[in-house]
């Protein structure tokens, strides 16, 4: 993986953070990117996703709003 996506992934992993789903940016409920949540290194390092696995937080799957409705 190269380019901007690799940069985002590396920064999120290093910060124990996550990547926000581009379809939910600028919405009242931005969501963690499903691709990041499924990535082995991302899921293991994300503080938010570790809290979900430990039962300290709940995960709600969301359907991104249709394009043009944000």
PDB file of N, CA and C in Angstrom:
ATOM      1  N   UNK A   1       0.850  -1.166   0.000  1.00  0.00           N
ATOM      2  CA  UNK A   1       0.000   0.000   0.000  1.00  0.00           C
ATOM      3  C   UNK A   1       0.902   1.237   0.000  1.00  0.00           C
ATOM      4  N   UNK A   2       0.569   2.177  -0.860  1.00  0.00           N
ATOM      5  CA  UNK A   2       1.368   3.392  -0.963  1.00  0.00           C
ATOM      6  C   UNK A   2       0.459   4.608  -0.996  1.00  0.00           C
ATOM      7  N   UNK A   3       1.062   5.764  -0.900  1.00  0.00           N
ATOM      8  CA  UNK A   3       0.318   7.002  -1.063  1.00  0.00           C
ATOM      9  C   UNK A   3      -0.421   7.456   0.181  1.00  0.00           C
ATOM     10  N   UNK A   4      -1.470   8.215  -0.073  1.00  0.00           N
ATOM     11  CA  UNK A   4      -2.229   8.851   1.006  1.00  0.00           C
ATOM     12  C   UNK A   4      -2.864   7.835   1.948  1.00  0.00           C
ATOM     13  N   UNK A   5      -3.405   6.736   1.417  1.00  0.00           N
ATOM     14  CA  UNK A   5      -4.032   5.723   2.265  1.00  0.00           C
ATOM     15  C   UNK A   5      -3.017   5.105   3.221  1.00  0.00           C
ATOM     16  N   UNK A   6      -1.833   4.804   2.726  1.00  0.00           N
ATOM     17  CA  UNK A   6      -0.785   4.241   3.596  1.00  0.00           C
ATOM     18  C   UNK A   6      -0.395   5.246   4.670  1.00  0.00           C
ATOM     19  N   UNK A   7      -0.341   6.523   4.308  1.00  0.00           N
ATOM     20  CA  UNK A   7      -0.020   7.570   5.273  1.00  0.00           C
ATOM     21  C   UNK A   7      -1.094   7.665   6.357  1.00  0.00           C
ATOM     22  N   UNK A   8      -2.372   7.648   5.961  1.00  0.00           N
ATOM     23  CA  UNK A   8      -3.475   7.693   6.923  1.00  0.00           C
ATOM     24  C   UNK A   8      -3.445   6.483   7.848  1.00  0.00           C
ATOM     25  N   UNK A   9      -3.251   5.316   7.266  1.00  0.00           N
ATOM     26  CA  UNK A   9      -3.217   4.081   8.047  1.00  0.00           C
ATOM     27  C   UNK A   9      -2.079   4.114   9.061  1.00  0.00           C
ATOM     28  N   UNK A  10      -0.889   4.488   8.619  1.00  0.00           N
ATOM     29  CA  UNK A  10       0.258   4.546   9.518  1.00  0.00           C
ATOM     30  C   UNK A  10       0.056   5.538  10.656  1.00  0.00           C
ATOM     31  N   UNK A  11      -0.481   6.711  10.334  1.00  0.00           N
ATOM     32  CA  UNK A  11      -0.710   7.731  11.369  1.00  0.00           C
ATOM     33  C   UNK A  11      -1.748   7.262  12.385  1.00  0.00           C
ATOM     34  N   UNK A  12      -2.826   6.642  11.914  1.00  0.00           N
ATOM     35  CA  UNK A  12      -3.872   6.165  12.823  1.00  0.00           C
ATOM     36  C   UNK A  12      -3.350   5.047  13.721  1.00  0.00           C
ATOM     37  N   UNK A  13      -2.577   4.139  13.163  1.00  0.00           N
ATOM     38  CA  UNK A  13      -2.012   3.041  13.955  1.00  0.00           C
ATOM     39  C   UNK A  13      -1.036   3.579  14.995  1.00  0.00           C
ATOM     40  N   UNK A  14      -0.166   4.499  14.581  1.00  0.00           N
ATOM     41  CA  UNK A  14       0.810   5.073  15.516  1.00  0.00           C
ATOM     42  C   UNK A  14       0.138   5.814  16.666  1.00  0.00           C
ATOM     43  N   UNK A  15      -0.995   6.466  16.390  1.00  0.00           N
ATOM     44  CA  UNK A  15      -1.699   7.253  17.411  1.00  0.00           C
ATOM     45  C   UNK A  15      -2.723   6.425  18.190  1.00  0.00           C
ATOM     46  N   UNK A  16      -2.824   5.127  17.861  1.00  0.00           N
ATOM     47  CA  UNK A  16      -3.852   4.254  18.449  1.00  0.00           C
ATOM     48  C   UNK A  16      -5.242   4.835  18.223  1.00  0.00           C
ATOM     49  N   UNK A  17      -5.401   5.466  17.080  1.00  0.00           N
ATOM     50  CA  UNK A  17      -6.682   6.092  16.723  1.00  0.00           C
ATOM     51  C   UNK A  17      -7.428   5.271  15.692  1.00  0.00           C
ATOM     52  N   UNK A  18      -8.086   5.968  14.782  1.00  0.00           N
ATOM     53  CA  UNK A  18      -8.835   5.307  13.717  1.00  0.00           C
ATOM     54  C   UNK A  18      -8.991   6.274  12.558  1.00  0.00           C
ATOM     55  N   UNK A  19      -9.508   5.768  11.459  1.00  0.00           N
ATOM     56  CA  UNK A  19      -9.792   6.574  10.285  1.00  0.00           C
ATOM     57  C   UNK A  19     -11.302   6.739  10.208  1.00  0.00           C
ATOM     58  N   UNK A  20     -11.742   7.966   9.996  1.00  0.00           N
ATOM     59  CA  UNK A  20     -13.177   8.234   9.869  1.00  0.00           C
ATOM     60  C   UNK A  20     -13.613   7.896   8.444  1.00  0.00           C
ATOM     61  N   UNK A  21     -14.741   7.242   8.328  1.00  0.00           N
ATOM     62  CA  UNK A  21     -15.328   6.886   7.032  1.00  0.00           C
ATOM     63  C   UNK A  21     -15.559   8.160   6.218  1.00  0.00           C
ATOM     64  N   UNK A  22     -15.043   8.183   5.001  1.00  0.00           N
ATOM     65  CA  UNK A  22     -15.182   9.388   4.182  1.00  0.00           C
ATOM     66  C   UNK A  22     -16.639   9.709   3.873  1.00  0.00           C
ATOM     67  N   UNK A  23     -17.498   8.708   3.872  1.00  0.00           N
ATOM     68  CA  UNK A  23     -18.919   8.939   3.591  1.00  0.00           C
ATOM     69  C   UNK A  23     -19.657   9.564   4.767  1.00  0.00           C
ATOM     70  N   UNK A  24     -19.048   9.533   5.946  1.00  0.00           N
ATOM     71  CA  UNK A  24     -19.723  10.103   7.113  1.00  0.00           C
ATOM     72  C   UNK A  24     -19.060  11.386   7.608  1.00  0.00           C
ATOM     73  N   UNK A  25     -18.053  11.862   6.889  1.00  0.00           N
ATOM     74  CA  UNK A  25     -17.449  13.141   7.239  1.00  0.00           C
ATOM     75  C   UNK A  25     -18.515  14.226   7.136  1.00  0.00           C
ATOM     76  N   UNK A  26     -18.443  15.209   7.975  1.00  0.00           N
ATOM     77  CA  UNK A  26     -19.389  16.338   7.960  1.00  0.00           C
ATOM     78  C   UNK A  26     -20.835  15.915   8.186  1.00  0.00           C
ATOM     79  N   UNK A  27     -21.029  14.819   8.910  1.00  0.00           N
ATOM     80  CA  UNK A  27     -22.381  14.395   9.300  1.00  0.00           C
ATOM     81  C   UNK A  27     -22.460  14.482  10.829  1.00  0.00           C
ATOM     82  N   UNK A  28     -23.670  14.449  11.387  1.00  0.00           N
ATOM     83  CA  UNK A  28     -23.785  14.501  12.844  1.00  0.00           C
ATOM     84  C   UNK A  28     -23.154  13.302  13.554  1.00  0.00           C
ATOM     85  N   UNK A  29     -22.969  12.188  12.844  1.00  0.00           N
ATOM     86  CA  UNK A  29     -22.430  10.980  13.479  1.00  0.00           C
ATOM     87  C   UNK A  29     -21.329  10.366  12.610  1.00  0.00           C
ATOM     88  N   UNK A  30     -20.121  10.974  12.605  1.00  0.00           N
ATOM     89  CA  UNK A  30     -19.038  10.365  11.839  1.00  0.00           C
ATOM     90  C   UNK A  30     -18.714   8.973  12.392  1.00  0.00           C
ATOM     91  N   UNK A  31     -18.339   8.072  11.510  1.00  0.00           N
ATOM     92  CA  UNK A  31     -18.136   6.678  11.890  1.00  0.00           C
ATOM     93  C   UNK A  31     -16.711   6.228  11.589  1.00  0.00           C
ATOM     94  N   UNK A  32     -16.275   5.178  12.259  1.00  0.00           N
ATOM     95  CA  UNK A  32     -14.986   4.571  11.961  1.00  0.00           C
ATOM     96  C   UNK A  32     -15.107   3.855  10.618  1.00  0.00           C
ATOM     97  N   UNK A  33     -14.112   4.010   9.789  1.00  0.00           N
ATOM     98  CA  UNK A  33     -14.087   3.366   8.476  1.00  0.00           C
ATOM     99  C   UNK A  33     -14.128   1.839   8.650  1.00  0.00           C
ATOM    100  N   UNK A  34     -15.042   1.196   7.940  1.00  0.00           N
ATOM    101  CA  UNK A  34     -15.164  -0.266   8.029  1.00  0.00           C
ATOM    102  C   UNK A  34     -13.902  -0.959   7.537  1.00  0.00           C
ATOM    103  N   UNK A  35     -13.259  -0.403   6.523  1.00  0.00           N
ATOM    104  CA  UNK A  35     -12.010  -0.978   6.024  1.00  0.00           C
ATOM    105  C   UNK A  35     -10.910  -0.924   7.072  1.00  0.00           C
ATOM    106  N   UNK A  36     -10.850   0.186   7.801  1.00  0.00           N
ATOM    107  CA  UNK A  36      -9.858   0.303   8.872  1.00  0.00           C
ATOM    108  C   UNK A  36     -10.179  -0.673   9.997  1.00  0.00           C
ATOM    109  N   UNK A  37     -11.439  -0.786  10.354  1.00  0.00           N
ATOM    110  CA  UNK A  37     -11.837  -1.696  11.431  1.00  0.00           C
ATOM    111  C   UNK A  37     -11.522  -3.149  11.078  1.00  0.00           C
ATOM    112  N   UNK A  38     -11.537  -3.466   9.786  1.00  0.00           N
ATOM    113  CA  UNK A  38     -11.251  -4.835   9.349  1.00  0.00           C
ATOM    114  C   UNK A  38      -9.753  -5.088   9.165  1.00  0.00           C
ATOM    115  N   UNK A  39      -8.964  -4.036   9.106  1.00  0.00           N
ATOM    116  CA  UNK A  39      -7.519  -4.190   8.897  1.00  0.00           C
ATOM    117  C   UNK A  39      -6.888  -4.780  10.163  1.00  0.00           C
ATOM    118  N   UNK A  40      -6.110  -5.849  10.052  1.00  0.00           N
ATOM    119  CA  UNK A  40      -5.555  -6.497  11.247  1.00  0.00           C
ATOM    120  C   UNK A  40      -4.748  -5.551  12.144  1.00  0.00           C
ATOM    121  N   UNK A  41      -3.908  -4.722  11.566  1.00  0.00           N
ATOM    122  CA  UNK A  41      -3.113  -3.805  12.392  1.00  0.00           C
ATOM    123  C   UNK A  41      -3.975  -2.675  12.933  1.00  0.00           C
ATOM    124  N   UNK A  42      -4.926  -2.198  12.133  1.00  0.00           N
ATOM    125  CA  UNK A  42      -5.792  -1.117  12.584  1.00  0.00           C
ATOM    126  C   UNK A  42      -6.670  -1.551  13.743  1.00  0.00           C
ATOM    127  N   UNK A  43      -7.316  -2.681  13.590  1.00  0.00           N
ATOM    128  CA  UNK A  43      -8.215  -3.175  14.635  1.00  0.00           C
ATOM    129  C   UNK A  43      -7.473  -3.464  15.927  1.00  0.00           C
ATOM    130  N   UNK A  44      -6.247  -3.933  15.813  1.00  0.00           N
ATOM    131  CA  UNK A  44      -5.472  -4.270  17.012  1.00  0.00           C
ATOM    132  C   UNK A  44      -4.970  -3.032  17.743  1.00  0.00           C
ATOM    133  N   UNK A  45      -4.721  -1.942  17.027  1.00  0.00           N
ATOM    134  CA  UNK A  45      -4.115  -0.758  17.644  1.00  0.00           C
ATOM    135  C   UNK A  45      -5.108   0.329  18.023  1.00  0.00           C
ATOM    136  N   UNK A  46      -6.304   0.317  17.457  1.00  0.00           N
ATOM    137  CA  UNK A  46      -7.275   1.376  17.721  1.00  0.00           C
ATOM    138  C   UNK A  46      -7.820   1.289  19.144  1.00  0.00           C
ATOM    139  N   UNK A  47      -7.661   2.360  19.907  1.00  0.00           N
ATOM    140  CA  UNK A  47      -8.175   2.390  21.269  1.00  0.00           C
ATOM    141  C   UNK A  47      -9.693   2.195  21.276  1.00  0.00           C
ATOM    142  N   UNK A  48     -10.392   2.855  20.361  1.00  0.00           N
ATOM    143  CA  UNK A  48     -11.854   2.735  20.306  1.00  0.00           C
ATOM    144  C   UNK A  48     -12.276   1.293  20.038  1.00  0.00           C
ATOM    145  N   UNK A  49     -11.617   0.632  19.096  1.00  0.00           N
ATOM    146  CA  UNK A  49     -11.991  -0.746  18.779  1.00  0.00           C
ATOM    147  C   UNK A  49     -11.573  -1.717  19.875  1.00  0.00           C
ATOM    148  N   UNK A  50     -10.479  -1.431  20.575  1.00  0.00           N
ATOM    149  CA  UNK A  50     -10.112  -2.274  21.725  1.00  0.00           C
ATOM    150  C   UNK A  50     -11.146  -2.138  22.833  1.00  0.00           C
ATOM    151  N   UNK A  51     -11.660  -0.931  23.059  1.00  0.00           N
ATOM    152  CA  UNK A  51     -12.711  -0.730  24.069  1.00  0.00           C
ATOM    153  C   UNK A  51     -13.966  -1.522  23.718  1.00  0.00           C
ATOM    154  N   UNK A  52     -14.293  -1.582  22.443  1.00  0.00           N
ATOM    155  CA  UNK A  52     -15.450  -2.375  22.010  1.00  0.00           C
ATOM    156  C   UNK A  52     -15.213  -3.849  22.332  1.00  0.00           C
ATOM    157  N   UNK A  53     -14.032  -4.358  21.979  1.00  0.00           N
ATOM    158  CA  UNK A  53     -13.732  -5.777  22.246  1.00  0.00           C
ATOM    159  C   UNK A  53     -13.758  -6.099  23.727  1.00  0.00           C
ATOM    160  N   UNK A  54     -13.392  -5.156  24.574  1.00  0.00           N
ATOM    161  CA  UNK A  54     -13.392  -5.376  26.024  1.00  0.00           C
ATOM    162  C   UNK A  54     -14.768  -5.163  26.654  1.00  0.00           C
ATOM    163  N   UNK A  55     -15.724  -4.740  25.869  1.00  0.00           N
ATOM    164  CA  UNK A  55     -17.066  -4.507  26.386  1.00  0.00           C
ATOM    165  C   UNK A  55     -17.222  -3.161  27.076  1.00  0.00           C
ATOM    166  N   UNK A  56     -16.265  -2.259  26.901  1.00  0.00           N
ATOM    167  CA  UNK A  56     -16.332  -0.943  27.520  1.00  0.00           C
ATOM    168  C   UNK A  56     -17.097   0.066  26.667  1.00  0.00           C
ATOM    169  N   UNK A  57     -17.348  -0.295  25.426  1.00  0.00           N
ATOM    170  CA  UNK A  57     -18.080   0.561  24.495  1.00  0.00           C
ATOM    171  C   UNK A  57     -18.862  -0.342  23.556  1.00  0.00           C
ATOM    172  N   UNK A  58     -19.847   0.234  22.898  1.00  0.00           N
ATOM    173  CA  UNK A  58     -20.640  -0.545  21.939  1.00  0.00           C
ATOM    174  C   UNK A  58     -20.363  -0.053  20.524  1.00  0.00           C
ATOM    175  N   UNK A  59     -20.457  -0.954  19.602  1.00  0.00           N
ATOM    176  CA  UNK A  59     -20.252  -0.649  18.202  1.00  0.00           C
ATOM    177  C   UNK A  59     -21.597  -0.705  17.503  1.00  0.00           C
ATOM    178  N   UNK A  60     -21.918   0.342  16.777  1.00  0.00           N
ATOM    179  CA  UNK A  60     -23.150   0.397  15.996  1.00  0.00           C
ATOM    180  C   UNK A  60     -22.771   0.513  14.528  1.00  0.00           C
ATOM    181  N   UNK A  61     -23.234  -0.417  13.733  1.00  0.00           N
ATOM    182  CA  UNK A  61     -22.975  -0.329  12.303  1.00  0.00           C
ATOM    183  C   UNK A  61     -23.923   0.702  11.706  1.00  0.00           C
ATOM    184  N   UNK A  62     -23.392   1.543  10.850  1.00  0.00           N
ATOM    185  CA  UNK A  62     -24.210   2.569  10.218  1.00  0.00           C
ATOM    186  C   UNK A  62     -24.107   2.457   8.709  1.00  0.00           C
ATOM    187  N   UNK A  63     -25.163   2.835   8.051  1.00  0.00           N
ATOM    188  CA  UNK A  63     -25.158   2.926   6.599  1.00  0.00           C
ATOM    189  C   UNK A  63     -24.868   4.379   6.251  1.00  0.00           C
ATOM    190  N   UNK A  64     -23.803   4.625   5.524  1.00  0.00           N
ATOM    191  CA  UNK A  64     -23.491   6.011   5.186  1.00  0.00           C
ATOM    192  C   UNK A  64     -24.644   6.656   4.415  1.00  0.00           C
ATOM    193  N   UNK A  65     -24.817   7.959   4.577  1.00  0.00           N
ATOM    194  CA  UNK A  65     -25.887   8.634   3.841  1.00  0.00           C
ATOM    195  C   UNK A  65     -25.595   8.609   2.345  1.00  0.00           C
ATOM    196  N   UNK A  66     -26.636   8.627   1.518  1.00  0.00           N
ATOM    197  CA  UNK A  66     -26.404   8.645   0.061  1.00  0.00           C
ATOM    198  C   UNK A  66     -25.625   9.883  -0.342  1.00  0.00           C
ATOM    199  N   UNK A  67     -24.855   9.754  -1.394  1.00  0.00           N
ATOM    200  CA  UNK A  67     -24.075  10.891  -1.886  1.00  0.00           C
ATOM    201  C   UNK A  67     -25.007  12.050  -2.202  1.00  0.00           C
ATOM    202  N   UNK A  68     -24.566  13.243  -1.864  1.00  0.00           N
ATOM    203  CA  UNK A  68     -25.353  14.430  -2.159  1.00  0.00           C
ATOM    204  C   UNK A  68     -26.332  14.817  -1.073  1.00  0.00           C
ATOM    205  N   UNK A  69     -26.437  13.990  -0.004  1.00  0.00           N
ATOM    206  CA  UNK A  69     -27.386  14.305   1.080  1.00  0.00           C
ATOM    207  C   UNK A  69     -26.676  14.790   2.328  1.00  0.00           C
ATOM    208  N   UNK A  70     -25.367  14.902   2.276  1.00  0.00           N
ATOM    209  CA  UNK A  70     -24.630  15.339   3.460  1.00  0.00           C
ATOM    210  C   UNK A  70     -24.669  16.810   3.629  1.00  0.00           C
TER     211      UNK A  70
END
